[in-house]
């Protein structure tokens, strides 16, 4: 796989701060993936992005994007990037249409027809001025300007702030389409459901330290799932507790509930000998991942 973002030993220490904003951060993002950067506000997500775009300089370490050192080649790097900042500043007197025309003139190769298609799909009225837009509509305009030139790399910082659920669903579709075209998406967010819905891999950041980088399905598979079997016969929880991968089991009238980590092979094979009327699996989500990394 081609490496699009390569971060090695990135550390950022701001003056008069007791701890670094980033501490020895090392990770890679590959072409054609949607990479989620997960952490609460203040974890260091935006600082990482600012270092990636050479808005701030790191204390230690280095970053390359598409093989280019971001400090030595900052202009060349930005040509290949579509960027949506967490705090978006717009020209308040300009309409959405005029804003996109102006941005297209600044960046050769923009297809305004594609920009207008994005506006239609996101349900944004481009005739209004920015000062008349709601927070969500301003966010839509920011998404369009980041995506309209179909850049090889999209860097999106908290992209869905203020968007309603229906528009978020459309936005997720746009990200999947970008990935299918071979574009890479670096998506910073603290909204767990958003990351889980679209991302191939996720990095978990805590207080400037990278805790884990893993595929979403692998992260979830390592967590505890709750499996409930319903049957007309008595199911002894003691026997279920002895199975491989089962952390504990409990029973009630007409059911047994087991808490499984990893493979469910032993549990399913054991259940096959009983007349099971129904079963329910409550899979772990990224919220549980998040809490396991942040508790304590």
C-alpha atoms as a PDB file:
ATOM      1  CA  UNK A   1       0.000   0.000   0.000  1.00  0.00           C
ATOM      2  CA  UNK A   2       1.191   3.499  -0.826  1.00  0.00           C
ATOM      3  CA  UNK A   3       1.812   5.670   2.209  1.00  0.00           C
ATOM      4  CA  UNK A   4       0.071   9.049   1.953  1.00  0.00           C
ATOM      5  CA  UNK A   5       0.765  10.425   5.447  1.00  0.00           C
ATOM      6  CA  UNK A   6       3.874   9.398   7.366  1.00  0.00           C
ATOM      7  CA  UNK A   7       4.271  10.872  10.865  1.00  0.00           C
ATOM      8  CA  UNK A   8       7.401   9.951  12.799  1.00  0.00           C
ATOM      9  CA  UNK A   9       8.185  10.949  16.391  1.00  0.00           C
ATOM     10  CA  UNK A  10       5.973  14.053  16.279  1.00  0.00           C
ATOM     11  CA  UNK A  11       6.185  16.120  19.463  1.00  0.00           C
ATOM     12  CA  UNK A  12       4.765  19.583  20.055  1.00  0.00           C
ATOM     13  CA  UNK A  13       5.458  21.458  23.263  1.00  0.00           C
ATOM     14  CA  UNK A  14       3.856  24.877  23.628  1.00  0.00           C
ATOM     15  CA  UNK A  15       5.575  27.436  25.893  1.00  0.00           C
ATOM     16  CA  UNK A  16       4.310  27.618  29.473  1.00  0.00           C
ATOM     17  CA  UNK A  17       2.305  24.404  29.091  1.00  0.00           C
ATOM     18  CA  UNK A  18       2.951  21.678  31.684  1.00  0.00           C
ATOM     19  CA  UNK A  19       2.728  18.808  29.208  1.00  0.00           C
ATOM     20  CA  UNK A  20       3.253  18.501  25.447  1.00  0.00           C
ATOM     21  CA  UNK A  21       0.268  18.828  23.138  1.00  0.00           C
ATOM     22  CA  UNK A  22       1.709  15.857  21.227  1.00  0.00           C
ATOM     23  CA  UNK A  23       4.236  13.341  22.499  1.00  0.00           C
ATOM     24  CA  UNK A  24       6.278  11.111  20.162  1.00  0.00           C
ATOM     25  CA  UNK A  25       3.422  10.489  17.737  1.00  0.00           C
ATOM     26  CA  UNK A  26       4.156   7.899  15.043  1.00  0.00           C
ATOM     27  CA  UNK A  27       1.621   6.578  12.509  1.00  0.00           C
ATOM     28  CA  UNK A  28       0.961   6.066   8.803  1.00  0.00           C
ATOM     29  CA  UNK A  29      -2.110   6.583   6.640  1.00  0.00           C
ATOM     30  CA  UNK A  30      -2.400   4.704   3.355  1.00  0.00           C
ATOM     31  CA  UNK A  31      -3.890   5.538  -0.017  1.00  0.00           C
ATOM     32  CA  UNK A  32      -7.575   4.808  -0.463  1.00  0.00           C
ATOM     33  CA  UNK A  33      -8.566   4.526   3.179  1.00  0.00           C
ATOM     34  CA  UNK A  34     -10.751   6.564   5.488  1.00  0.00           C
ATOM     35  CA  UNK A  35      -8.674   7.071   8.599  1.00  0.00           C
ATOM     36  CA  UNK A  36     -10.376   8.206  11.782  1.00  0.00           C
ATOM     37  CA  UNK A  37      -8.505  10.305  14.323  1.00  0.00           C
ATOM     38  CA  UNK A  38     -10.408   9.870  17.546  1.00  0.00           C
ATOM     39  CA  UNK A  39     -10.171  11.770  20.807  1.00  0.00           C
ATOM     40  CA  UNK A  40     -11.994  14.286  22.991  1.00  0.00           C
ATOM     41  CA  UNK A  41     -11.534  18.013  22.650  1.00  0.00           C
ATOM     42  CA  UNK A  42      -8.029  18.942  23.768  1.00  0.00           C
ATOM     43  CA  UNK A  43      -6.493  15.563  22.978  1.00  0.00           C
ATOM     44  CA  UNK A  44      -4.210  17.027  20.286  1.00  0.00           C
ATOM     45  CA  UNK A  45      -6.131  16.262  17.093  1.00  0.00           C
ATOM     46  CA  UNK A  46      -6.150  19.800  15.715  1.00  0.00           C
ATOM     47  CA  UNK A  47      -2.507  20.327  16.672  1.00  0.00           C
ATOM     48  CA  UNK A  48      -1.605  17.246  14.636  1.00  0.00           C
ATOM     49  CA  UNK A  49      -3.447  18.621  11.611  1.00  0.00           C
ATOM     50  CA  UNK A  50      -1.805  22.023  11.954  1.00  0.00           C
ATOM     51  CA  UNK A  51       1.595  20.347  11.950  1.00  0.00           C
ATOM     52  CA  UNK A  52       0.598  18.285   8.903  1.00  0.00           C
ATOM     53  CA  UNK A  53      -0.245  21.455   6.977  1.00  0.00           C
ATOM     54  CA  UNK A  54       2.766  23.401   8.312  1.00  0.00           C
ATOM     55  CA  UNK A  55       0.586  25.933  10.122  1.00  0.00           C
ATOM     56  CA  UNK A  56       2.655  25.259  13.237  1.00  0.00           C
ATOM     57  CA  UNK A  57       6.084  23.694  13.506  1.00  0.00           C
ATOM     58  CA  UNK A  58       6.697  20.630  15.689  1.00  0.00           C
ATOM     59  CA  UNK A  59       9.197  20.625  18.517  1.00  0.00           C
ATOM     60  CA  UNK A  60      10.541  17.275  17.316  1.00  0.00           C
ATOM     61  CA  UNK A  61       9.810  14.741  14.629  1.00  0.00           C
ATOM     62  CA  UNK A  62       8.833  15.053  10.979  1.00  0.00           C
ATOM     63  CA  UNK A  63       5.896  14.539   8.635  1.00  0.00           C
ATOM     64  CA  UNK A  64       5.765  13.626   4.968  1.00  0.00           C
ATOM     65  CA  UNK A  65       2.662  13.744   2.797  1.00  0.00           C
ATOM     66  CA  UNK A  66       2.856  11.861  -0.504  1.00  0.00           C
ATOM     67  CA  UNK A  67       6.587  11.621   0.021  1.00  0.00           C
ATOM     68  CA  UNK A  68       7.047  15.376   0.479  1.00  0.00           C
ATOM     69  CA  UNK A  69       8.392  16.891   3.668  1.00  0.00           C
ATOM     70  CA  UNK A  70       5.617  19.220   4.804  1.00  0.00           C
ATOM     71  CA  UNK A  71       7.986  21.944   6.004  1.00  0.00           C
ATOM     72  CA  UNK A  72      10.249  22.021   2.959  1.00  0.00           C
ATOM     73  CA  UNK A  73       7.368  21.590   0.482  1.00  0.00           C
ATOM     74  CA  UNK A  74       4.373  23.139   2.219  1.00  0.00           C
ATOM     75  CA  UNK A  75       2.927  24.798  -0.903  1.00  0.00           C
ATOM     76  CA  UNK A  76       3.269  21.634  -3.003  1.00  0.00           C
ATOM     77  CA  UNK A  77       1.631  19.596  -0.228  1.00  0.00           C
ATOM     78  CA  UNK A  78      -1.337  21.952   0.040  1.00  0.00           C
ATOM     79  CA  UNK A  79      -1.989  21.636  -3.696  1.00  0.00           C
ATOM     80  CA  UNK A  80      -2.785  17.973  -3.090  1.00  0.00           C
ATOM     81  CA  UNK A  81      -5.004  18.522  -0.046  1.00  0.00           C
ATOM     82  CA  UNK A  82      -8.617  19.487   0.531  1.00  0.00           C
ATOM     83  CA  UNK A  83      -8.867  20.907   4.045  1.00  0.00           C
ATOM     84  CA  UNK A  84     -11.800  21.650   6.304  1.00  0.00           C
ATOM     85  CA  UNK A  85     -10.754  23.297   9.597  1.00  0.00           C
ATOM     86  CA  UNK A  86     -12.647  22.804  12.842  1.00  0.00           C
ATOM     87  CA  UNK A  87     -13.326  26.544  13.013  1.00  0.00           C
ATOM     88  CA  UNK A  88     -14.290  27.754   9.563  1.00  0.00           C
ATOM     89  CA  UNK A  89     -13.949  31.418   8.607  1.00  0.00           C
ATOM     90  CA  UNK A  90     -15.939  32.605   5.587  1.00  0.00           C
ATOM     91  CA  UNK A  91     -16.346  35.902   3.754  1.00  0.00           C
ATOM     92  CA  UNK A  92     -19.620  36.942   5.332  1.00  0.00           C
ATOM     93  CA  UNK A  93     -20.661  39.313   2.512  1.00  0.00           C
ATOM     94  CA  UNK A  94     -20.187  36.709  -0.229  1.00  0.00           C
ATOM     95  CA  UNK A  95     -22.835  34.258  -1.367  1.00  0.00           C
ATOM     96  CA  UNK A  96     -22.141  30.555  -1.397  1.00  0.00           C
ATOM     97  CA  UNK A  97     -21.946  30.691  -5.185  1.00  0.00           C
ATOM     98  CA  UNK A  98     -19.435  33.567  -5.182  1.00  0.00           C
ATOM     99  CA  UNK A  99     -17.350  31.827  -2.521  1.00  0.00           C
ATOM    100  CA  UNK A 100     -17.045  28.677  -4.597  1.00  0.00           C
ATOM    101  CA  UNK A 101     -16.262  30.669  -7.761  1.00  0.00           C
ATOM    102  CA  UNK A 102     -13.515  32.522  -5.922  1.00  0.00           C
ATOM    103  CA  UNK A 103     -12.056  29.320  -4.471  1.00  0.00           C
ATOM    104  CA  UNK A 104     -12.172  27.661  -7.905  1.00  0.00           C
ATOM    105  CA  UNK A 105     -10.231  30.583  -9.418  1.00  0.00           C
ATOM    106  CA  UNK A 106      -7.558  30.179  -6.743  1.00  0.00           C
ATOM    107  CA  UNK A 107      -7.165  26.462  -7.355  1.00  0.00           C
ATOM    108  CA  UNK A 108      -6.686  25.331 -10.995  1.00  0.00           C
ATOM    109  CA  UNK A 109      -8.540  22.237 -12.054  1.00  0.00           C
ATOM    110  CA  UNK A 110     -11.715  22.769 -10.042  1.00  0.00           C
ATOM    111  CA  UNK A 111     -14.920  21.551 -11.641  1.00  0.00           C
ATOM    112  CA  UNK A 112     -17.680  23.936 -10.580  1.00  0.00           C
ATOM    113  CA  UNK A 113     -20.281  21.533 -11.918  1.00  0.00           C
ATOM    114  CA  UNK A 114     -19.119  19.023  -9.320  1.00  0.00           C
ATOM    115  CA  UNK A 115     -19.240  21.741  -6.646  1.00  0.00           C
ATOM    116  CA  UNK A 116     -22.836  22.532  -7.585  1.00  0.00           C
ATOM    117  CA  UNK A 117     -23.671  18.826  -7.519  1.00  0.00           C
ATOM    118  CA  UNK A 118     -22.269  18.619  -3.993  1.00  0.00           C
ATOM    119  CA  UNK A 119     -24.349  21.640  -2.966  1.00  0.00           C
ATOM    120  CA  UNK A 120     -27.481  19.987  -4.315  1.00  0.00           C
ATOM    121  CA  UNK A 121     -26.779  16.717  -2.518  1.00  0.00           C
ATOM    122  CA  UNK A 122     -26.032  18.526   0.746  1.00  0.00           C
ATOM    123  CA  UNK A 123     -29.117  20.722   0.294  1.00  0.00           C
ATOM    124  CA  UNK A 124     -27.257  24.028   0.393  1.00  0.00           C
ATOM    125  CA  UNK A 125     -28.769  27.142  -1.190  1.00  0.00           C
ATOM    126  CA  UNK A 126     -25.790  28.866  -2.827  1.00  0.00           C
ATOM    127  CA  UNK A 127     -27.734  32.082  -3.423  1.00  0.00           C
ATOM    128  CA  UNK A 128     -27.573  33.064   0.238  1.00  0.00           C
ATOM    129  CA  UNK A 129     -24.719  35.055   1.721  1.00  0.00           C
ATOM    130  CA  UNK A 130     -22.501  33.414   4.311  1.00  0.00           C
ATOM    131  CA  UNK A 131     -23.771  35.733   7.041  1.00  0.00           C
ATOM    132  CA  UNK A 132     -27.260  34.323   6.454  1.00  0.00           C
ATOM    133  CA  UNK A 133     -26.136  30.712   6.798  1.00  0.00           C
ATOM    134  CA  UNK A 134     -26.725  28.648   9.903  1.00  0.00           C
ATOM    135  CA  UNK A 135     -23.787  26.836  11.515  1.00  0.00           C
ATOM    136  CA  UNK A 136     -24.722  23.672   9.637  1.00  0.00           C
ATOM    137  CA  UNK A 137     -24.948  25.437   6.274  1.00  0.00           C
ATOM    138  CA  UNK A 138     -21.570  27.079   6.799  1.00  0.00           C
ATOM    139  CA  UNK A 139     -20.210  23.612   7.459  1.00  0.00           C
ATOM    140  CA  UNK A 140     -21.727  22.371   4.209  1.00  0.00           C
ATOM    141  CA  UNK A 141     -19.996  25.148   2.272  1.00  0.00           C
ATOM    142  CA  UNK A 142     -16.716  24.218   3.944  1.00  0.00           C
ATOM    143  CA  UNK A 143     -17.168  20.576   2.965  1.00  0.00           C
ATOM    144  CA  UNK A 144     -17.837  21.549  -0.656  1.00  0.00           C
ATOM    145  CA  UNK A 145     -14.758  23.771  -0.932  1.00  0.00           C
ATOM    146  CA  UNK A 146     -12.620  20.960   0.497  1.00  0.00           C
ATOM    147  CA  UNK A 147     -13.962  18.305  -1.858  1.00  0.00           C
ATOM    148  CA  UNK A 148     -14.754  20.141  -5.100  1.00  0.00           C
ATOM    149  CA  UNK A 149     -11.319  19.720  -6.717  1.00  0.00           C
ATOM    150  CA  UNK A 150     -11.255  15.968  -5.894  1.00  0.00           C
ATOM    151  CA  UNK A 151      -7.910  16.150  -4.078  1.00  0.00           C
ATOM    152  CA  UNK A 152      -5.826  13.014  -3.472  1.00  0.00           C
ATOM    153  CA  UNK A 153      -6.011  13.744   0.281  1.00  0.00           C
ATOM    154  CA  UNK A 154      -8.902  15.124   2.319  1.00  0.00           C
ATOM    155  CA  UNK A 155      -8.139  16.407   5.813  1.00  0.00           C
ATOM    156  CA  UNK A 156     -11.375  17.063   7.669  1.00  0.00           C
ATOM    157  CA  UNK A 157     -11.385  18.392  11.230  1.00  0.00           C
ATOM    158  CA  UNK A 158     -14.735  17.759  12.994  1.00  0.00           C
ATOM    159  CA  UNK A 159     -16.550  17.870   9.625  1.00  0.00           C
ATOM    160  CA  UNK A 160     -20.132  17.158  10.737  1.00  0.00           C
ATOM    161  CA  UNK A 161     -20.509  19.802  13.445  1.00  0.00           C
ATOM    162  CA  UNK A 162     -23.990  21.300  13.101  1.00  0.00           C
ATOM    163  CA  UNK A 163     -25.184  18.911  10.392  1.00  0.00           C
ATOM    164  CA  UNK A 164     -28.549  17.200  10.783  1.00  0.00           C
ATOM    165  CA  UNK A 165     -28.688  13.359  10.656  1.00  0.00           C
ATOM    166  CA  UNK A 166     -29.944  13.186   7.060  1.00  0.00           C
ATOM    167  CA  UNK A 167     -27.125  15.392   5.781  1.00  0.00           C
ATOM    168  CA  UNK A 168     -24.621  13.378   7.815  1.00  0.00           C
ATOM    169  CA  UNK A 169     -25.785  10.282   5.973  1.00  0.00           C
ATOM    170  CA  UNK A 170     -25.213  12.033   2.624  1.00  0.00           C
ATOM    171  CA  UNK A 171     -21.792  13.197   3.816  1.00  0.00           C
ATOM    172  CA  UNK A 172     -20.861   9.602   4.693  1.00  0.00           C
ATOM    173  CA  UNK A 173     -21.853   8.568   1.166  1.00  0.00           C
ATOM    174  CA  UNK A 174     -19.572  11.272  -0.256  1.00  0.00           C
ATOM    175  CA  UNK A 175     -16.650   9.966   1.794  1.00  0.00           C
ATOM    176  CA  UNK A 176     -17.199   6.413   0.599  1.00  0.00           C
ATOM    177  CA  UNK A 177     -17.355   7.634  -2.998  1.00  0.00           C
ATOM    178  CA  UNK A 178     -14.094   9.533  -2.519  1.00  0.00           C
ATOM    179  CA  UNK A 179     -12.434   6.415  -1.132  1.00  0.00           C
ATOM    180  CA  UNK A 180     -13.721   4.350  -4.068  1.00  0.00           C
ATOM    181  CA  UNK A 181     -12.040   6.853  -6.411  1.00  0.00           C
ATOM    182  CA  UNK A 182      -8.729   6.215  -4.640  1.00  0.00           C
ATOM    183  CA  UNK A 183      -8.729   9.355  -2.505  1.00  0.00           C
ATOM    184  CA  UNK A 184      -7.516   9.213   1.084  1.00  0.00           C
ATOM    185  CA  UNK A 185      -9.521  10.724   3.931  1.00  0.00           C
ATOM    186  CA  UNK A 186      -8.066  11.804   7.270  1.00  0.00           C
ATOM    187  CA  UNK A 187     -11.055  12.506   9.497  1.00  0.00           C
ATOM    188  CA  UNK A 188     -10.677  13.980  12.960  1.00  0.00           C
ATOM    189  CA  UNK A 189     -13.681  13.594  15.218  1.00  0.00           C
ATOM    190  CA  UNK A 190     -14.936  13.058  18.752  1.00  0.00           C
ATOM    191  CA  UNK A 191     -18.279  11.704  17.478  1.00  0.00           C
ATOM    192  CA  UNK A 192     -17.913   7.947  17.915  1.00  0.00           C
ATOM    193  CA  UNK A 193     -20.850   6.922  15.727  1.00  0.00           C
ATOM    194  CA  UNK A 194     -19.470   9.017  12.866  1.00  0.00           C
ATOM    195  CA  UNK A 195     -16.062   7.350  12.982  1.00  0.00           C
ATOM    196  CA  UNK A 196     -17.567   3.885  13.307  1.00  0.00           C
ATOM    197  CA  UNK A 197     -19.872   4.411  10.312  1.00  0.00           C
ATOM    198  CA  UNK A 198     -17.245   5.454   7.761  1.00  0.00           C
ATOM    199  CA  UNK A 199     -13.694   4.678   8.864  1.00  0.00           C
ATOM    200  CA  UNK A 200     -11.520   1.736   7.855  1.00  0.00           C
ATOM    201  CA  UNK A 201      -8.947   2.333  10.581  1.00  0.00           C
ATOM    202  CA  UNK A 202      -8.914   4.525  13.641  1.00  0.00           C
ATOM    203  CA  UNK A 203      -6.259   6.061  15.876  1.00  0.00           C
ATOM    204  CA  UNK A 204      -7.138   6.686  19.516  1.00  0.00           C
ATOM    205  CA  UNK A 205      -5.454   9.763  20.980  1.00  0.00           C
ATOM    206  CA  UNK A 206      -5.303  10.575  24.681  1.00  0.00           C
ATOM    207  CA  UNK A 207      -3.650  13.710  26.084  1.00  0.00           C
ATOM    208  CA  UNK A 208      -1.330  13.976  23.092  1.00  0.00           C
ATOM    209  CA  UNK A 209      -0.278  10.328  23.210  1.00  0.00           C
ATOM    210  CA  UNK A 210      -1.259   7.771  20.602  1.00  0.00           C
ATOM    211  CA  UNK A 211      -2.858   4.833  22.393  1.00  0.00           C
ATOM    212  CA  UNK A 212      -3.758   2.555  19.501  1.00  0.00           C
ATOM    213  CA  UNK A 213      -3.992   2.418  15.703  1.00  0.00           C
ATOM    214  CA  UNK A 214      -6.154  -0.410  14.416  1.00  0.00           C
ATOM    215  CA  UNK A 215      -8.893  -1.439  12.032  1.00  0.00           C
ATOM    216  CA  UNK A 216     -12.327  -0.676  13.444  1.00  0.00           C
ATOM    217  CA  UNK A 217     -13.465  -4.298  13.188  1.00  0.00           C
ATOM    218  CA  UNK A 218     -10.342  -5.558  14.969  1.00  0.00           C
ATOM    219  CA  UNK A 219     -10.768  -3.060  17.786  1.00  0.00           C
ATOM    220  CA  UNK A 220     -14.370  -4.090  18.275  1.00  0.00           C
ATOM    221  CA  UNK A 221     -13.575  -7.804  18.043  1.00  0.00           C
ATOM    222  CA  UNK A 222     -11.213  -7.482  21.002  1.00  0.00           C
ATOM    223  CA  UNK A 223     -13.976  -6.118  23.185  1.00  0.00           C
ATOM    224  CA  UNK A 224     -16.655  -7.970  25.082  1.00  0.00           C
ATOM    225  CA  UNK A 225     -19.857  -8.864  23.240  1.00  0.00           C
ATOM    226  CA  UNK A 226     -23.046  -9.857  24.986  1.00  0.00           C
ATOM    227  CA  UNK A 227     -24.791 -12.926  23.540  1.00  0.00           C
ATOM    228  CA  UNK A 228     -28.189 -14.036  24.815  1.00  0.00           C
ATOM    229  CA  UNK A 229     -29.631 -17.452  23.945  1.00  0.00           C
ATOM    230  CA  UNK A 230     -33.340 -18.124  24.460  1.00  0.00           C
ATOM    231  CA  UNK A 231     -34.516 -21.710  25.007  1.00  0.00           C
ATOM    232  CA  UNK A 232     -37.313 -23.757  26.565  1.00  0.00           C
ATOM    233  CA  UNK A 233     -34.751 -25.917  28.372  1.00  0.00           C
ATOM    234  CA  UNK A 234     -32.678 -24.904  31.378  1.00  0.00           C
ATOM    235  CA  UNK A 235     -29.254 -23.620  30.362  1.00  0.00           C
ATOM    236  CA  UNK A 236     -26.701 -23.832  33.176  1.00  0.00           C
ATOM    237  CA  UNK A 237     -24.506 -20.678  33.266  1.00  0.00           C
ATOM    238  CA  UNK A 238     -21.679 -22.589  34.964  1.00  0.00           C
ATOM    239  CA  UNK A 239     -21.144 -24.755  31.891  1.00  0.00           C
ATOM    240  CA  UNK A 240     -21.168 -21.709  29.614  1.00  0.00           C
ATOM    241  CA  UNK A 241     -18.654 -19.899  31.812  1.00  0.00           C
ATOM    242  CA  UNK A 242     -16.087 -22.645  31.163  1.00  0.00           C
ATOM    243  CA  UNK A 243     -16.103 -22.084  27.400  1.00  0.00           C
ATOM    244  CA  UNK A 244     -13.153 -20.466  25.614  1.00  0.00           C
ATOM    245  CA  UNK A 245     -13.563 -16.711  25.308  1.00  0.00           C
ATOM    246  CA  UNK A 246     -16.397 -16.447  27.847  1.00  0.00           C
ATOM    247  CA  UNK A 247     -15.665 -14.016  30.651  1.00  0.00           C
ATOM    248  CA  UNK A 248     -18.839 -14.821  32.577  1.00  0.00           C
ATOM    249  CA  UNK A 249     -22.366 -16.106  32.118  1.00  0.00           C
ATOM    250  CA  UNK A 250     -25.698 -15.570  33.814  1.00  0.00           C
ATOM    251  CA  UNK A 251     -29.115 -17.179  33.417  1.00  0.00           C
ATOM    252  CA  UNK A 252     -32.742 -16.339  33.944  1.00  0.00           C
ATOM    253  CA  UNK A 253     -36.137 -17.809  33.043  1.00  0.00           C
ATOM    254  CA  UNK A 254     -35.812 -19.079  29.481  1.00  0.00           C
ATOM    255  CA  UNK A 255     -32.413 -17.625  28.659  1.00  0.00           C
ATOM    256  CA  UNK A 256     -28.666 -17.650  29.286  1.00  0.00           C
ATOM    257  CA  UNK A 257     -26.507 -14.587  28.698  1.00  0.00           C
ATOM    258  CA  UNK A 258     -22.786 -14.932  28.038  1.00  0.00           C
ATOM    259  CA  UNK A 259     -20.107 -12.234  27.769  1.00  0.00           C
ATOM    260  CA  UNK A 260     -17.623 -13.182  25.067  1.00  0.00           C
ATOM    261  CA  UNK A 261     -14.270 -11.709  24.045  1.00  0.00           C
ATOM    262  CA  UNK A 262     -12.728 -12.664  20.706  1.00  0.00           C
ATOM    263  CA  UNK A 263     -13.982 -15.642  18.709  1.00  0.00           C
ATOM    264  CA  UNK A 264     -17.475 -16.964  19.381  1.00  0.00           C
ATOM    265  CA  UNK A 265     -16.667 -20.352  17.823  1.00  0.00           C
ATOM    266  CA  UNK A 266     -16.755 -22.317  21.104  1.00  0.00           C
ATOM    267  CA  UNK A 267     -19.964 -20.630  22.209  1.00  0.00           C
ATOM    268  CA  UNK A 268     -21.812 -21.264  18.943  1.00  0.00           C
ATOM    269  CA  UNK A 269     -20.725 -24.916  18.793  1.00  0.00           C
ATOM    270  CA  UNK A 270     -21.816 -25.495  22.377  1.00  0.00           C
ATOM    271  CA  UNK A 271     -25.182 -23.808  21.790  1.00  0.00           C
ATOM    272  CA  UNK A 272     -25.845 -26.069  18.787  1.00  0.00           C
ATOM    273  CA  UNK A 273     -26.663 -29.025  21.055  1.00  0.00           C
ATOM    274  CA  UNK A 274     -29.646 -27.214  22.619  1.00  0.00           C
ATOM    275  CA  UNK A 275     -33.038 -26.277  21.147  1.00  0.00           C
ATOM    276  CA  UNK A 276     -32.367 -22.555  20.756  1.00  0.00           C
ATOM    277  CA  UNK A 277     -35.477 -20.534  20.017  1.00  0.00           C
ATOM    278  CA  UNK A 278     -33.688 -17.253  19.387  1.00  0.00           C
ATOM    279  CA  UNK A 279     -30.449 -15.431  20.042  1.00  0.00           C
ATOM    280  CA  UNK A 280     -29.333 -11.829  20.330  1.00  0.00           C
ATOM    281  CA  UNK A 281     -25.836 -10.400  19.930  1.00  0.00           C
ATOM    282  CA  UNK A 282     -25.058  -6.950  21.286  1.00  0.00           C
ATOM    283  CA  UNK A 283     -21.801  -6.066  19.581  1.00  0.00           C
ATOM    284  CA  UNK A 284     -19.337  -3.689  21.170  1.00  0.00           C
ATOM    285  CA  UNK A 285     -19.101  -0.264  19.573  1.00  0.00           C
ATOM    286  CA  UNK A 286     -16.410   2.384  19.424  1.00  0.00           C
ATOM    287  CA  UNK A 287     -17.932   4.010  22.492  1.00  0.00           C
ATOM    288  CA  UNK A 288     -16.733   1.039  24.515  1.00  0.00           C
ATOM    289  CA  UNK A 289     -13.314   1.263  22.859  1.00  0.00           C
ATOM    290  CA  UNK A 290     -13.185   4.927  23.735  1.00  0.00           C
ATOM    291  CA  UNK A 291     -14.133   4.363  27.368  1.00  0.00           C
ATOM    292  CA  UNK A 292     -11.633   1.537  27.830  1.00  0.00           C
ATOM    293  CA  UNK A 293      -8.827   3.792  26.613  1.00  0.00           C
ATOM    294  CA  UNK A 294      -9.934   6.813  28.660  1.00  0.00           C
ATOM    295  CA  UNK A 295     -11.134   5.388  31.957  1.00  0.00           C
ATOM    296  CA  UNK A 296      -8.483   5.867  34.593  1.00  0.00           C
END
